[in-house]
Amino acid sequence: MSQLSITDLFSVAGKTVLVTGGSRGIGEMIAAGFLANGATVYISSRKADVCDATAARLSESYGNRCTSIPADLSRLEGVDRLSEEVRDRENRLDVLVNNAGASWGAPLDDFPESGWDKVMDTNVKGVFFLTQRLLPLLQAAATPESPARVINIGSIDGIRNPAFENYSYGPSKAAVHALTRQLAASLVKRNILVNAIAPGPFPTWMLSTGVGTGGDVEATDWEAVGAAVPRGRVGTPEDIAGTALFLASRAGAFAVGEVITCDGGIVVA
């Protein structure tokens, strides 16, 4: 029995990929990983100027086309706009990375309805309805030999209790994990494989707000944050992009409905 080379096993060259929340943080790391390995990538985020600037920077850095399609995925109007724009530009979609997410921190006694709804609408409703709207494009790319992929970005906060008072965030990510398994069971019959990644701490804007630096990624002491991780550091772009590339490539073609932690050992420890 012949074996594929590492290059063939993990290749995503020529694939068309959409990464939501791709203008910064984990989404940008994943988008860069696909671009560096020959994929055509679309990114989406709520702020048009930031999304456009990131797409231009990534295109220049990696020499492959990265296109910005700004959209607010907490609202169905934004979901429809994004899906329609992708359908106008492409006749197939090999990989959908549902990464767009929101968080909200407040004490339990003061936690507002707006903080609950914003997080649930973005993190759960947006994931479901964008996947639903893009099923025709995913189906067009899907074959038994080369299935289309949906990769949902959950969180270890959906597995264990969060460290912060962000009461809607953990439940929303637990819902993403449950939704991943249910979609996987249904869509595997259509040669669309659905899996999730549950990241731990990465040097992102969202985590910097939680550790008290107010969104200033550069000013955050990431070595101090990483000291509490069993691996002794926070995650790197290679860590999260590598996991996504595995799930999107031939190497991950038998993984269905999995939630893979990428957290340096936090959950198991």
Protein backbone atom coordinates (compact mmCIF):
# COMPACT_ATOMS: atom_id res chain seq x y z
CA MET A 1 0.00 0.00 0.00
CA SER A 2 1.49 3.33 -1.09
CA GLN A 3 1.62 6.27 1.29
CA LEU A 4 1.17 9.93 0.43
CA SER A 5 3.98 12.34 1.16
CA ILE A 6 3.64 14.91 3.92
CA THR A 7 3.16 17.55 1.24
CA ASP A 8 0.26 15.67 -0.33
CA LEU A 9 -1.32 14.71 3.00
CA PHE A 10 -1.53 18.28 4.24
CA SER A 11 -1.94 20.16 0.96
CA VAL A 12 -4.63 22.83 0.65
CA ALA A 13 -3.25 24.27 -2.58
CA GLY A 14 -5.98 25.44 -4.93
CA LYS A 15 -8.72 25.31 -2.31
CA THR A 16 -11.15 28.19 -1.85
CA VAL A 17 -11.57 29.13 1.80
CA LEU A 18 -13.76 31.55 3.76
CA VAL A 19 -12.58 32.60 7.24
CA THR A 20 -15.03 34.68 9.25
CA GLY A 21 -13.58 36.99 11.88
CA GLY A 22 -10.48 36.90 9.71
CA SER A 23 -9.26 40.47 10.16
CA ARG A 24 -7.35 39.84 13.39
CA GLY A 25 -6.50 37.30 16.07
CA ILE A 26 -7.05 33.60 15.51
CA GLY A 27 -8.97 34.22 12.28
CA GLU A 28 -6.08 36.14 10.76
CA MET A 29 -3.65 33.41 11.87
CA ILE A 30 -5.76 30.74 10.16
CA ALA A 31 -6.23 32.82 7.00
CA ALA A 32 -2.47 33.36 6.79
CA GLY A 33 -1.87 29.63 7.14
CA PHE A 34 -4.12 28.85 4.18
CA LEU A 35 -2.65 31.63 2.05
CA ALA A 36 0.90 30.50 2.78
CA ASN A 37 -0.03 27.07 1.45
CA GLY A 38 -1.61 28.03 -1.84
CA ALA A 39 -5.29 28.57 -1.05
CA THR A 40 -7.52 31.41 -2.21
CA VAL A 41 -8.94 33.03 0.91
CA TYR A 42 -11.87 35.30 1.68
CA ILE A 43 -12.02 36.98 5.07
CA SER A 44 -14.94 38.69 6.74
CA SER A 45 -15.32 40.87 9.80
CA ARG A 46 -17.68 43.54 11.04
CA LYS A 47 -15.37 46.55 10.58
CA ALA A 48 -14.87 47.17 6.86
CA ASP A 49 -11.71 49.28 7.12
CA VAL A 50 -9.92 46.75 9.30
CA CYS A 51 -11.04 43.82 7.14
CA ASP A 52 -9.91 45.55 3.95
CA ALA A 53 -6.52 46.46 5.42
CA THR A 54 -5.89 42.91 6.66
CA ALA A 55 -6.82 41.40 3.30
CA ALA A 56 -4.45 43.76 1.50
CA ARG A 57 -1.62 43.00 3.94
CA LEU A 58 -2.10 39.24 3.73
CA SER A 59 -2.26 39.30 -0.07
CA GLU A 60 1.01 41.22 -0.22
CA SER A 61 2.70 39.01 2.37
CA TYR A 62 1.81 35.64 0.84
CA GLY A 63 1.34 36.34 -2.85
CA ASN A 64 -2.06 34.66 -2.99
CA ARG A 65 -5.41 36.39 -3.29
CA CYS A 66 -7.06 37.39 -0.03
CA THR A 67 -10.39 39.18 -0.48
CA SER A 68 -12.28 41.20 2.11
CA ILE A 69 -16.07 40.91 2.44
CA PRO A 70 -17.12 42.85 5.56
CA ALA A 71 -20.31 41.68 7.29
CA ASP A 72 -21.94 41.67 10.71
CA LEU A 73 -22.69 37.99 11.28
CA SER A 74 -24.73 38.59 14.43
CA ARG A 75 -27.58 39.63 12.11
CA LEU A 76 -29.22 37.58 9.37
CA GLU A 77 -28.86 40.52 7.01
CA GLY A 78 -25.10 40.27 7.41
CA VAL A 79 -25.13 36.50 6.98
CA ASP A 80 -27.14 36.86 3.78
CA ARG A 81 -24.87 39.61 2.47
CA LEU A 82 -21.74 37.56 3.00
CA SER A 83 -23.16 34.37 1.52
CA GLU A 84 -24.52 36.23 -1.51
CA GLU A 85 -21.18 37.94 -2.14
CA VAL A 86 -19.31 34.64 -1.97
CA ARG A 87 -21.86 33.02 -4.32
CA ASP A 88 -21.43 35.91 -6.77
CA ARG A 89 -17.65 35.35 -6.86
CA GLU A 90 -17.30 31.57 -6.58
CA ASN A 91 -19.15 28.48 -7.77
CA ARG A 92 -17.74 26.29 -4.99
CA LEU A 93 -16.34 26.58 -1.48
CA ASP A 94 -13.91 23.97 -0.21
CA VAL A 95 -13.51 25.18 3.37
CA LEU A 96 -15.65 27.34 5.67
CA VAL A 97 -13.98 28.44 8.90
CA ASN A 98 -16.61 29.81 11.30
CA ASN A 99 -14.36 31.91 13.53
CA ALA A 100 -16.24 35.18 14.02
CA GLY A 101 -16.99 35.58 17.69
CA ALA A 102 -17.83 38.00 20.45
CA SER A 103 -17.46 38.09 24.21
CA TRP A 104 -18.90 40.24 27.00
CA GLY A 105 -17.64 40.64 30.52
CA ALA A 106 -19.70 41.84 33.48
CA PRO A 107 -20.37 40.74 37.08
CA LEU A 108 -23.10 38.14 37.46
CA ASP A 109 -25.52 40.49 39.24
CA ASP A 110 -25.16 43.14 36.52
CA PHE A 111 -24.83 41.01 33.38
CA PRO A 112 -27.07 42.63 30.71
CA GLU A 113 -29.41 41.08 28.19
CA SER A 114 -27.52 42.91 25.44
CA GLY A 115 -24.33 41.11 26.43
CA TRP A 116 -26.11 37.78 26.31
CA ASP A 117 -27.79 38.40 22.95
CA LYS A 118 -24.74 39.84 21.20
CA VAL A 119 -22.60 36.84 22.09
CA MET A 120 -25.22 34.19 21.33
CA ASP A 121 -26.23 35.84 18.05
CA THR A 122 -22.65 36.05 16.80
CA ASN A 123 -21.20 32.85 18.20
CA VAL A 124 -24.08 30.45 17.65
CA LYS A 125 -26.79 31.84 15.39
CA GLY A 126 -24.28 33.26 12.92
CA VAL A 127 -22.41 29.95 12.70
CA PHE A 128 -25.57 27.98 12.01
CA PHE A 129 -27.13 30.26 9.43
CA LEU A 130 -23.93 31.01 7.52
CA THR A 131 -23.25 27.29 7.22
CA GLN A 132 -26.82 26.76 6.09
CA ARG A 133 -26.64 29.53 3.48
CA LEU A 134 -23.34 28.25 2.07
CA LEU A 135 -24.36 24.60 1.79
CA PRO A 136 -24.88 24.81 -2.00
CA LEU A 137 -21.29 26.02 -2.50
CA LEU A 138 -19.90 23.45 -0.07
CA GLN A 139 -21.93 20.74 -1.79
CA ALA A 140 -20.53 21.82 -5.17
CA ALA A 141 -16.99 21.26 -3.86
CA ALA A 142 -17.72 18.00 -2.06
CA THR A 143 -16.83 14.55 -3.37
CA PRO A 144 -16.32 11.21 -1.61
CA GLU A 145 -12.59 11.43 -2.32
CA SER A 146 -12.24 15.11 -1.38
CA PRO A 147 -14.98 16.24 1.03
CA ALA A 148 -15.73 19.89 1.70
CA ARG A 149 -14.94 21.03 5.23
CA VAL A 150 -16.55 23.20 7.90
CA ILE A 151 -14.29 24.13 10.80
CA ASN A 152 -16.02 25.80 13.74
CA ILE A 153 -13.88 27.69 16.24
CA GLY A 154 -15.12 26.92 19.72
CA SER A 155 -13.15 27.43 22.93
CA ILE A 156 -11.88 25.59 25.96
CA ASP A 157 -14.32 27.87 27.81
CA GLY A 158 -17.03 25.69 26.28
CA ILE A 159 -15.44 22.65 27.95
CA ARG A 160 -14.37 23.94 31.37
CA ASN A 161 -15.39 26.95 33.46
CA PRO A 162 -14.04 30.24 32.08
CA ALA A 163 -11.54 32.22 34.10
CA PHE A 164 -13.46 35.47 33.51
CA GLU A 165 -16.95 36.74 34.26
CA ASN A 166 -18.14 36.34 30.69
CA TYR A 167 -21.31 34.40 31.39
CA SER A 168 -22.61 34.12 27.84
CA TYR A 169 -19.29 33.20 26.23
CA GLY A 170 -18.74 29.71 27.67
CA PRO A 171 -22.32 28.59 27.03
CA SER A 172 -22.11 29.94 23.48
CA LYS A 173 -18.97 27.92 22.78
CA ALA A 174 -20.45 24.80 24.37
CA ALA A 175 -23.35 25.30 21.95
CA VAL A 176 -20.88 25.55 19.05
CA HIS A 177 -19.36 22.23 20.07
CA ALA A 178 -22.82 20.59 20.25
CA LEU A 179 -23.84 22.15 16.95
CA THR A 180 -20.64 20.83 15.38
CA ARG A 181 -21.51 17.27 16.30
CA GLN A 182 -25.11 17.57 15.08
CA LEU A 183 -24.14 19.18 11.77
CA ALA A 184 -21.39 16.61 11.31
CA ALA A 185 -23.81 13.71 11.69
CA SER A 186 -26.10 15.21 9.05
CA LEU A 187 -23.62 16.59 6.54
CA VAL A 188 -21.20 13.67 6.40
CA LYS A 189 -23.81 12.02 4.16
CA ARG A 190 -23.28 14.89 1.71
CA ASN A 191 -19.48 14.58 1.84
CA ILE A 192 -19.17 17.72 3.99
CA LEU A 193 -17.07 17.14 7.10
CA VAL A 194 -17.74 19.31 10.15
CA ASN A 195 -15.26 19.58 13.03
CA ALA A 196 -14.32 22.15 15.64
CA ILE A 197 -11.20 23.53 17.28
CA ALA A 198 -11.32 24.63 20.92
CA PRO A 199 -8.43 27.08 21.37
CA GLY A 200 -6.86 28.06 24.66
CA PRO A 201 -4.94 31.31 25.17
CA PHE A 202 -3.55 32.99 22.06
CA PRO A 203 -2.15 36.55 21.77
CA THR A 204 -5.37 38.16 20.56
CA TRP A 205 -7.31 41.36 21.06
CA MET A 206 -10.13 39.48 22.77
CA LEU A 207 -7.89 37.83 25.36
CA SER A 208 -5.98 41.06 25.98
CA THR A 209 -9.26 42.68 27.06
CA GLY A 210 -9.80 39.84 29.51
CA VAL A 211 -6.35 40.07 31.12
CA GLY A 212 -6.67 43.79 31.69
CA THR A 213 -4.76 45.51 28.89
CA GLY A 214 -7.89 46.77 27.18
CA GLY A 215 -7.27 45.31 23.74
CA ASP A 216 -3.64 46.41 23.48
CA VAL A 217 -2.10 43.20 22.15
CA GLU A 218 1.42 44.62 22.01
CA ALA A 219 1.34 45.86 25.60
CA THR A 220 0.14 42.53 27.03
CA ASP A 221 2.71 40.44 28.88
CA TRP A 222 2.08 37.21 27.01
CA GLU A 223 4.94 35.44 28.80
CA ALA A 224 3.12 36.02 32.07
CA VAL A 225 -0.15 34.77 30.58
CA GLY A 226 1.62 31.70 29.18
CA ALA A 227 3.25 30.88 32.50
CA ALA A 228 -0.08 29.45 33.70
CA VAL A 229 -0.31 27.11 30.70
CA PRO A 230 1.13 23.59 31.13
CA ARG A 231 3.17 24.06 27.93
CA GLY A 232 4.59 27.24 29.46
CA ARG A 233 3.47 29.63 26.72
CA VAL A 234 0.49 30.96 24.82
CA GLY A 235 -0.38 29.60 21.41
CA THR A 236 1.32 30.69 18.20
CA PRO A 237 -0.01 31.16 14.66
CA GLU A 238 1.62 27.86 13.70
CA ASP A 239 -0.32 26.03 16.41
CA ILE A 240 -3.79 27.13 15.34
CA ALA A 241 -3.10 27.23 11.59
CA GLY A 242 -1.57 23.76 11.73
CA THR A 243 -4.68 22.33 13.37
CA ALA A 244 -6.93 24.00 10.78
CA LEU A 245 -4.76 22.77 7.90
CA PHE A 246 -4.96 19.22 9.24
CA LEU A 247 -8.76 19.37 9.34
CA ALA A 248 -8.95 20.91 5.85
CA SER A 249 -6.54 18.52 4.13
CA ARG A 250 -6.40 14.85 3.14
CA ALA A 251 -4.81 14.16 6.52
CA GLY A 252 -8.06 15.06 8.28
CA ALA A 253 -10.49 13.41 5.87
CA PHE A 254 -11.63 10.75 8.38
CA ALA A 255 -12.26 13.16 11.27
CA VAL A 256 -15.98 13.82 11.70
CA GLY A 257 -17.67 15.77 14.50
CA GLU A 258 -14.52 16.17 16.58
CA VAL A 259 -13.76 19.04 18.97
CA ILE A 260 -9.97 19.27 19.05
CA THR A 261 -8.44 21.27 21.90
CA CYS A 262 -5.50 23.48 20.97
CA ASP A 263 -4.67 24.80 24.43
CA GLY A 264 -1.23 23.71 25.58
CA GLY A 265 -2.69 21.17 27.99
CA ILE A 266 -5.04 23.37 30.03
CA VAL A 267 -8.10 21.12 29.81
CA VAL A 268 -6.33 17.86 30.55
CA ALA A 269 -4.35 19.41 33.40
